[in-house]
Amino acid sequence: MRSVFLVKLSASKAILHVITSIAPGGAEKHLLSLAQQQVNDGLRVRVVSLLGVESPLQAAFEKCGVSVISLGLRWYGQWGPVKQLRLVLVDFQPDLIHAHLPPAELYVRLALLDRDYSKVPLIISKHNDERFAPIFFEKSLSCWVAKRAQKVICISHAVEKYWSERNVPSDPTQACVVHYGVDATSSGEGEELRRLWGVDSSVVLFGFVGRLVPQKALENLLTAFTQLEHPDARLVLVGDGPLKGCLERQVQSTGMLERVRFTGFREDIPSVMSAVDVLVLGSDYEGFGLVLLEAMAAGKPVLATHVSAIPEVVVDGETGILVPPRNPQAMATGMDALMDSSIRQRMGQAAAVRVREKFCLKRMIQQTQRIYDRVLNSCAA
């Protein structure tokens, strides 16, 4: 991709990103896109992951020239990673630190108590709008961390609202919203995947892509699919997680083994989005929902729950259909509507246009760069 950073941010600058882990997820994939573009623009970039989780994203970071250092955190409260992070600061000498997700924010804040690095500019990104700890600790710790940060980036207005209600940051001018972005020109080949999954081109294929975790309310999706009065429709669940066994048993108990397929984790998301006809996301909450953009960029309509930031991304009745959370009947009704090929085509085309105009990767990179510029300039003044 052609460079989109302005010349204000010198190519000699060093940017240190710290994140809880690089296990596949929206925040982690967002960071990969951001770091990749920063490297392309000549910046020195390093990523620190608190947890020593093996991840397919490790190779993707390394391929674009970003080394990932794992601190091997085993439990929160462990002090060793703070010392390790300080060693990274000594070695890398960052001009700016960008922390992602609350545990990473906290460990960065602790590392910066060292007076040698007390003035290194800090930006934190808020990716979620759900509690990560009992509310007293969540609020007090987050306020303490945000007080040290020069800027707090929220990935959606829903996330900004969640944290502003908790007085994080205490100075509202510290906060800003930068939506996720995706490469709207990326494309994949879906025909081969449909053949692999045994789904004919004439069959309507609904798809879920993400972690198999409670947040995604997948038991409701499966219940809704059993209520869909189109026995020729198929459902594919792309991803892995702790609920896989439970969900497989639910499919077996409802006699849907021939119609529902679990693929496990896949890296070829553009091809997955090309293969499915409709993306379904029935989450209880979403800080943003990067997978929504990935589907919309591929020209696919979305059926999702009307929660958190999802309405900021999906326009109900235009680029997809939004339904109440935890309502299988409403979701089944939405599926039934999207069995109509003309509706899918109309919404899919509108979805692709919306991504190009509102959520392209270039826009996200430029907005982030401007924040970096302002923070570095104000700290240098």
Protein backbone atom coordinates (compact mmCIF):
# COMPACT_ATOMS: atom_id res chain seq x y z
CA MET A 1 0.00 0.00 0.00
CA ARG A 2 1.21 3.49 -0.85
CA SER A 3 2.49 5.53 2.08
CA VAL A 4 -0.19 7.64 3.75
CA PHE A 5 1.75 9.11 6.69
CA LEU A 6 2.47 12.81 6.51
CA VAL A 7 6.07 13.97 6.68
CA LYS A 8 5.60 15.38 10.20
CA LEU A 9 6.27 11.97 11.74
CA SER A 10 9.96 11.44 11.08
CA ALA A 11 10.96 8.05 9.72
CA SER A 12 13.55 7.85 12.49
CA LYS A 13 10.87 7.73 15.18
CA ALA A 14 10.45 4.54 17.20
CA ILE A 15 6.94 3.36 18.10
CA LEU A 16 6.45 0.69 20.77
CA HIS A 17 3.08 -1.06 20.79
CA VAL A 18 2.14 -3.05 23.89
CA ILE A 19 -0.85 -5.39 23.85
CA THR A 20 -2.19 -8.09 26.15
CA SER A 21 -1.71 -10.85 23.57
CA ILE A 22 -1.61 -11.36 19.82
CA ALA A 23 -4.18 -14.16 19.78
CA PRO A 24 -6.45 -13.54 16.76
CA GLY A 25 -9.08 -10.92 17.51
CA GLY A 26 -10.24 -7.49 16.39
CA ALA A 27 -7.76 -5.45 18.45
CA GLU A 28 -4.88 -7.69 17.46
CA LYS A 29 -5.70 -7.59 13.74
CA HIS A 30 -6.15 -3.82 13.96
CA LEU A 31 -2.68 -3.54 15.51
CA LEU A 32 -1.22 -5.71 12.73
CA SER A 33 -2.63 -3.38 10.05
CA LEU A 34 -1.41 -0.30 11.91
CA ALA A 35 2.09 -1.65 12.56
CA GLN A 36 2.47 -2.90 9.00
CA GLN A 37 1.69 0.52 7.56
CA GLN A 38 3.99 2.23 10.04
CA VAL A 39 6.85 -0.02 8.94
CA ASN A 40 6.03 0.73 5.30
CA ASP A 41 6.40 4.41 6.15
CA GLY A 42 9.90 3.87 7.51
CA LEU A 43 9.16 3.99 11.22
CA ARG A 44 10.87 1.67 13.67
CA VAL A 45 8.15 -0.47 15.20
CA ARG A 46 8.19 -3.14 17.88
CA VAL A 47 5.32 -5.03 19.51
CA VAL A 48 5.31 -6.37 23.07
CA SER A 49 2.77 -9.03 24.03
CA LEU A 50 2.20 -9.60 27.75
CA LEU A 51 0.99 -13.17 27.37
CA GLY A 52 3.10 -15.89 25.79
CA VAL A 53 0.23 -17.22 23.68
CA GLU A 54 1.11 -18.95 20.43
CA SER A 55 -0.68 -17.19 17.60
CA PRO A 56 -0.81 -17.39 13.80
CA LEU A 57 -0.51 -13.60 13.84
CA GLN A 58 3.10 -13.93 15.03
CA ALA A 59 4.23 -14.90 11.54
CA ALA A 60 2.17 -12.09 10.00
CA PHE A 61 3.89 -9.50 12.22
CA GLU A 62 7.32 -10.89 11.43
CA LYS A 63 6.55 -11.02 7.70
CA CYS A 64 5.97 -7.25 7.65
CA GLY A 65 9.16 -6.61 9.60
CA VAL A 66 7.79 -6.19 13.13
CA SER A 67 9.43 -8.21 15.88
CA VAL A 68 7.12 -9.41 18.67
CA ILE A 69 8.49 -9.79 22.19
CA SER A 70 6.52 -11.98 24.58
CA LEU A 71 6.83 -11.22 28.29
CA GLY A 72 5.37 -14.60 29.26
CA LEU A 73 2.88 -13.22 31.78
CA ARG A 74 1.22 -16.15 33.60
CA TRP A 75 -1.07 -14.30 36.00
CA TYR A 76 -2.11 -10.69 36.49
CA GLY A 77 -0.18 -9.14 39.34
CA GLN A 78 3.06 -10.85 38.36
CA TRP A 79 5.86 -8.26 38.69
CA GLY A 80 8.50 -9.85 36.44
CA PRO A 81 6.97 -8.56 33.18
CA VAL A 82 7.21 -4.99 34.47
CA LYS A 83 10.97 -5.41 34.80
CA GLN A 84 11.12 -7.06 31.36
CA LEU A 85 9.18 -4.21 29.83
CA ARG A 86 11.60 -1.72 31.31
CA LEU A 87 14.45 -3.66 29.67
CA VAL A 88 12.62 -3.32 26.34
CA LEU A 89 12.43 0.44 26.93
CA VAL A 90 16.18 0.56 27.57
CA ASP A 91 16.93 -1.43 24.41
CA PHE A 92 14.40 0.10 22.00
CA GLN A 93 14.31 3.70 23.29
CA PRO A 94 10.80 4.45 21.97
CA ASP A 95 9.72 7.97 21.08
CA LEU A 96 6.11 6.99 21.77
CA ILE A 97 4.31 4.08 23.44
CA HIS A 98 0.89 2.93 22.25
CA ALA A 99 -0.88 0.54 24.65
CA HIS A 100 -3.83 -1.65 23.69
CA LEU A 101 -6.28 -3.37 26.10
CA PRO A 102 -6.47 -2.80 29.89
CA PRO A 103 -3.86 -5.29 31.17
CA ALA A 104 -1.29 -3.92 28.73
CA GLU A 105 -2.19 -0.36 29.72
CA LEU A 106 -1.63 -1.19 33.38
CA TYR A 107 1.75 -2.86 32.85
CA VAL A 108 2.95 0.03 30.70
CA ARG A 109 1.86 2.48 33.38
CA LEU A 110 3.82 0.53 36.01
CA ALA A 111 6.90 0.38 33.80
CA LEU A 112 6.75 4.14 33.27
CA LEU A 113 7.04 4.76 37.01
CA ASP A 114 10.77 4.45 36.34
CA ARG A 115 11.89 8.09 36.33
CA ASP A 116 14.16 7.49 33.33
CA TYR A 117 11.04 6.95 31.21
CA SER A 118 8.51 9.06 33.07
CA LYS A 119 8.27 11.52 30.18
CA VAL A 120 7.89 9.10 27.27
CA PRO A 121 4.60 9.99 25.53
CA LEU A 122 1.84 7.42 26.06
CA ILE A 123 -1.29 6.79 24.01
CA ILE A 124 -3.82 4.16 25.01
CA SER A 125 -6.48 2.63 22.79
CA LYS A 126 -9.78 1.49 24.28
CA HIS A 127 -11.05 -1.44 22.23
CA ASN A 128 -13.86 -2.76 24.43
CA ASP A 129 -16.99 -1.67 26.23
CA GLU A 130 -17.28 -4.44 28.78
CA ARG A 131 -16.01 -4.80 32.33
CA PHE A 132 -12.63 -6.45 32.74
CA ALA A 133 -12.63 -6.31 36.57
CA PRO A 134 -14.95 -5.45 39.48
CA ILE A 135 -16.21 -1.95 38.82
CA PHE A 136 -14.24 -0.27 41.65
CA PHE A 137 -10.93 -1.68 40.41
CA GLU A 138 -11.83 -1.12 36.77
CA LYS A 139 -12.59 2.55 37.34
CA SER A 140 -9.75 3.31 39.74
CA LEU A 141 -7.08 1.52 37.71
CA SER A 142 -8.31 2.93 34.40
CA CYS A 143 -8.38 6.47 35.80
CA TRP A 144 -4.85 6.06 37.13
CA VAL A 145 -3.57 4.80 33.77
CA ALA A 146 -5.44 7.41 31.72
CA LYS A 147 -4.06 10.21 33.89
CA ARG A 148 -0.58 9.37 32.57
CA ALA A 149 -1.67 9.12 28.91
CA GLN A 150 -1.49 12.08 26.57
CA LYS A 151 -4.37 10.72 24.49
CA VAL A 152 -7.07 8.04 24.81
CA ILE A 153 -8.23 6.64 21.47
CA CYS A 154 -11.64 4.95 21.50
CA ILE A 155 -12.46 2.70 18.56
CA SER A 156 -16.14 3.69 18.52
CA HIS A 157 -18.53 6.23 20.00
CA ALA A 158 -20.06 3.40 22.03
CA VAL A 159 -16.68 2.69 23.62
CA GLU A 160 -16.11 6.40 24.24
CA LYS A 161 -19.51 6.65 25.96
CA TYR A 162 -18.77 3.58 28.11
CA TRP A 163 -15.53 5.04 29.41
CA SER A 164 -16.72 8.64 29.74
CA GLU A 165 -19.46 7.39 32.06
CA ARG A 166 -16.62 6.04 34.22
CA ASN A 167 -14.78 9.37 34.04
CA VAL A 168 -12.00 7.86 31.90
CA PRO A 169 -10.20 10.00 30.99
CA SER A 170 -10.99 12.64 33.61
CA ASP A 171 -10.26 15.35 31.03
CA PRO A 172 -12.71 14.80 28.13
CA THR A 173 -10.37 16.57 25.70
CA GLN A 174 -7.97 13.65 26.06
CA ALA A 175 -10.42 11.29 24.35
CA CYS A 176 -11.04 10.90 20.64
CA VAL A 177 -12.69 8.34 18.36
CA VAL A 178 -10.85 6.55 15.57
CA HIS A 179 -12.87 3.78 13.96
CA TYR A 180 -11.21 0.62 12.72
CA GLY A 181 -10.42 0.47 9.02
CA VAL A 182 -9.82 -2.28 6.48
CA ASP A 183 -8.25 -2.53 3.06
CA ALA A 184 -11.33 -2.21 0.85
CA THR A 185 -9.38 -3.53 -2.16
CA SER A 186 -8.54 -6.88 -0.56
CA SER A 187 -10.31 -9.84 -2.14
CA GLY A 188 -10.34 -13.61 -1.94
CA GLU A 189 -11.47 -16.65 -3.85
CA GLY A 190 -14.49 -18.31 -2.25
CA GLU A 191 -15.44 -21.00 -4.76
CA GLU A 192 -12.73 -23.38 -3.59
CA LEU A 193 -13.82 -23.04 0.03
CA ARG A 194 -17.45 -23.74 -0.86
CA ARG A 195 -16.32 -26.90 -2.64
CA LEU A 196 -14.24 -27.86 0.41
CA TRP A 197 -17.27 -27.35 2.65
CA GLY A 198 -19.60 -29.17 0.28
CA VAL A 199 -21.80 -26.15 -0.37
CA ASP A 200 -23.19 -25.75 -3.89
CA SER A 201 -23.09 -22.31 -5.48
CA SER A 202 -26.90 -22.20 -5.51
CA VAL A 203 -27.14 -22.69 -1.73
CA VAL A 204 -27.40 -19.68 0.62
CA LEU A 205 -24.49 -19.87 3.06
CA PHE A 206 -24.66 -17.96 6.35
CA GLY A 207 -21.32 -17.50 8.08
CA PHE A 208 -19.99 -16.60 11.51
CA VAL A 209 -16.33 -15.61 11.83
CA GLY A 210 -14.74 -15.11 15.23
CA ARG A 211 -13.88 -16.64 18.56
CA LEU A 212 -16.21 -19.27 19.98
CA VAL A 213 -16.72 -17.50 23.31
CA PRO A 214 -19.76 -16.51 25.43
CA GLN A 215 -19.68 -12.90 24.18
CA LYS A 216 -20.75 -14.07 20.71
CA ALA A 217 -23.95 -15.78 21.98
CA LEU A 218 -23.53 -18.56 19.43
CA GLU A 219 -26.06 -20.84 21.09
CA ASN A 220 -28.70 -18.29 20.06
CA LEU A 221 -27.42 -18.27 16.50
CA LEU A 222 -27.70 -22.05 16.32
CA THR A 223 -31.20 -21.94 17.80
CA ALA A 224 -32.20 -19.31 15.24
CA PHE A 225 -30.81 -21.42 12.41
CA THR A 226 -32.92 -24.40 13.48
CA GLN A 227 -35.99 -22.15 13.23
CA LEU A 228 -35.20 -21.06 9.67
CA GLU A 229 -37.73 -22.67 7.34
CA HIS A 230 -35.29 -23.16 4.50
CA PRO A 231 -33.75 -26.63 4.85
CA ASP A 232 -31.42 -25.99 1.92
CA ALA A 233 -29.60 -23.11 3.72
CA ARG A 234 -26.23 -23.81 5.35
CA LEU A 235 -24.27 -22.29 8.23
CA VAL A 236 -20.50 -22.25 8.67
CA LEU A 237 -18.72 -21.22 11.88
CA VAL A 238 -15.14 -20.11 11.24
CA GLY A 239 -13.02 -19.84 14.36
CA ASP A 240 -12.03 -21.64 17.50
CA GLY A 241 -12.51 -21.22 21.22
CA PRO A 242 -13.52 -22.83 24.51
CA LEU A 243 -17.18 -23.28 23.54
CA LYS A 244 -16.52 -25.38 20.45
CA GLY A 245 -17.34 -28.71 22.09
CA CYS A 246 -20.53 -27.39 23.66
CA LEU A 247 -21.70 -25.89 20.38
CA GLU A 248 -20.94 -29.07 18.46
CA ARG A 249 -23.07 -31.02 20.92
CA GLN A 250 -25.89 -28.52 20.44
CA VAL A 251 -25.73 -29.03 16.68
CA GLN A 252 -25.74 -32.80 17.10
CA SER A 253 -28.70 -32.74 19.51
CA THR A 254 -30.80 -30.70 17.06
CA GLY A 255 -30.05 -32.96 14.10
CA MET A 256 -28.27 -30.21 12.16
CA LEU A 257 -24.98 -31.99 11.47
CA GLU A 258 -25.55 -31.94 7.71
CA ARG A 259 -26.31 -28.22 7.64
CA VAL A 260 -23.80 -26.71 10.09
CA ARG A 261 -20.01 -26.91 9.71
CA PHE A 262 -17.22 -25.94 12.12
CA THR A 263 -14.03 -25.09 10.22
CA GLY A 264 -11.70 -24.11 13.06
CA PHE A 265 -9.45 -21.06 12.76
CA ARG A 266 -8.62 -19.87 9.26
CA GLU A 267 -6.21 -17.16 8.14
CA ASP A 268 -7.72 -16.65 4.68
CA ILE A 269 -10.52 -14.32 5.82
CA PRO A 270 -10.93 -12.57 2.42
CA SER A 271 -11.65 -15.98 0.87
CA VAL A 272 -14.04 -16.84 3.71
CA MET A 273 -15.94 -13.61 3.14
CA SER A 274 -16.05 -14.32 -0.58
CA ALA A 275 -17.48 -17.77 0.14
CA VAL A 276 -20.34 -16.80 2.47
CA ASP A 277 -23.50 -15.05 1.32
CA VAL A 278 -24.35 -13.40 4.65
CA LEU A 279 -22.24 -12.68 7.73
CA VAL A 280 -24.06 -13.29 11.02
CA LEU A 281 -22.90 -11.77 14.31
CA GLY A 282 -25.19 -12.19 17.30
CA SER A 283 -22.92 -10.76 20.00
CA ASP A 284 -24.05 -9.46 23.40
CA TYR A 285 -21.60 -6.56 23.00
CA GLU A 286 -18.91 -5.43 20.56
CA GLY A 287 -16.40 -2.63 20.98
CA PHE A 288 -16.51 -2.37 17.20
CA GLY A 289 -16.67 -5.67 15.31
CA LEU A 290 -13.84 -5.64 12.77
CA VAL A 291 -15.31 -8.73 11.13
CA LEU A 292 -18.30 -6.61 10.08
CA LEU A 293 -16.01 -4.43 7.96
CA GLU A 294 -14.28 -7.48 6.49
CA ALA A 295 -17.64 -8.85 5.30
CA MET A 296 -18.96 -5.48 4.09
CA ALA A 297 -15.74 -4.78 2.16
CA ALA A 298 -16.37 -8.07 0.33
CA GLY A 299 -19.83 -6.84 -0.62
CA LYS A 300 -21.71 -9.05 1.80
CA PRO A 301 -24.75 -8.03 3.86
CA VAL A 302 -24.67 -8.42 7.63
CA LEU A 303 -27.21 -9.81 10.08
CA ALA A 304 -26.20 -8.63 13.54
CA THR A 305 -27.48 -7.62 16.95
CA HIS A 306 -28.33 -4.01 17.76
CA VAL A 307 -25.76 -3.62 20.55
CA SER A 308 -22.78 -1.42 21.41
CA ALA A 309 -20.98 -0.09 18.35
CA ILE A 310 -22.61 -2.34 15.74
CA PRO A 311 -25.17 0.33 14.69
CA GLU A 312 -22.24 2.67 14.00
CA VAL A 313 -21.03 0.19 11.40
CA VAL A 314 -24.15 -1.49 10.00
CA VAL A 315 -27.03 0.67 8.77
CA ASP A 316 -30.21 -1.28 9.49
CA GLY A 317 -32.17 -1.95 6.31
CA GLU A 318 -29.41 -0.53 4.12
CA THR A 319 -26.20 -2.52 4.60
CA GLY A 320 -27.72 -5.28 6.71
CA ILE A 321 -30.35 -6.18 9.26
CA LEU A 322 -30.08 -5.48 12.99
CA VAL A 323 -32.05 -7.49 15.54
CA PRO A 324 -32.39 -7.44 19.34
CA PRO A 325 -29.78 -9.49 21.25
CA ARG A 326 -30.64 -12.91 22.66
CA ASN A 327 -33.69 -13.18 20.40
CA PRO A 328 -33.42 -16.30 18.19
CA GLN A 329 -36.82 -15.71 16.62
CA ALA A 330 -35.85 -12.22 15.46
CA MET A 331 -32.58 -13.56 14.08
CA ALA A 332 -34.41 -16.35 12.24
CA THR A 333 -36.71 -13.74 10.73
CA GLY A 334 -33.67 -11.77 9.58
CA MET A 335 -32.19 -14.89 8.02
CA ASP A 336 -35.45 -15.54 6.23
CA ALA A 337 -35.41 -12.03 4.73
CA LEU A 338 -31.84 -12.48 3.53
CA MET A 339 -32.71 -15.65 1.66
CA ASP A 340 -33.89 -13.21 -1.03
CA SER A 341 -31.01 -12.75 -3.49
CA SER A 342 -32.13 -9.28 -4.55
CA ILE A 343 -32.04 -8.04 -0.94
CA ARG A 344 -28.60 -9.57 -0.43
CA GLN A 345 -27.30 -7.94 -3.58
CA ARG A 346 -28.70 -4.51 -2.74
CA MET A 347 -27.40 -4.55 0.84
CA GLY A 348 -24.05 -6.03 -0.15
CA GLN A 349 -23.41 -3.30 -2.70
CA ALA A 350 -24.34 -0.60 -0.17
CA ALA A 351 -22.08 -2.25 2.42
CA ALA A 352 -19.05 -2.13 0.12
CA VAL A 353 -19.65 1.55 -0.61
CA ARG A 354 -19.97 2.34 3.11
CA VAL A 355 -16.62 0.72 3.88
CA ARG A 356 -14.86 2.63 1.10
CA GLU A 357 -16.35 5.94 2.24
CA LYS A 358 -16.27 5.57 6.04
CA PHE A 359 -14.02 2.74 7.16
CA CYS A 360 -11.09 2.39 4.78
CA LEU A 361 -7.66 1.56 6.18
CA LYS A 362 -6.10 4.74 4.83
CA ARG A 363 -8.54 6.88 6.82
CA MET A 364 -7.75 5.05 10.08
CA ILE A 365 -3.99 5.31 9.50
CA GLN A 366 -4.15 9.04 8.77
CA GLN A 367 -6.28 9.80 11.81
CA THR A 368 -3.93 7.82 14.06
CA GLN A 369 -0.90 9.53 12.57
CA ARG A 370 -2.36 12.98 13.26
CA ILE A 371 -2.83 12.01 16.91
CA TYR A 372 0.79 10.84 17.08
CA ASP A 373 1.91 14.14 15.57
CA ARG A 374 -0.04 16.24 18.05
CA VAL A 375 1.18 14.24 21.03
CA LEU A 376 4.83 14.30 19.96
CA ASN A 377 4.71 18.01 19.13
CA SER A 378 3.07 18.92 22.43
CA CYS A 379 5.62 16.89 24.39
CA ALA A 380 8.48 18.52 22.51
CA ALA A 381 7.20 22.03 23.15
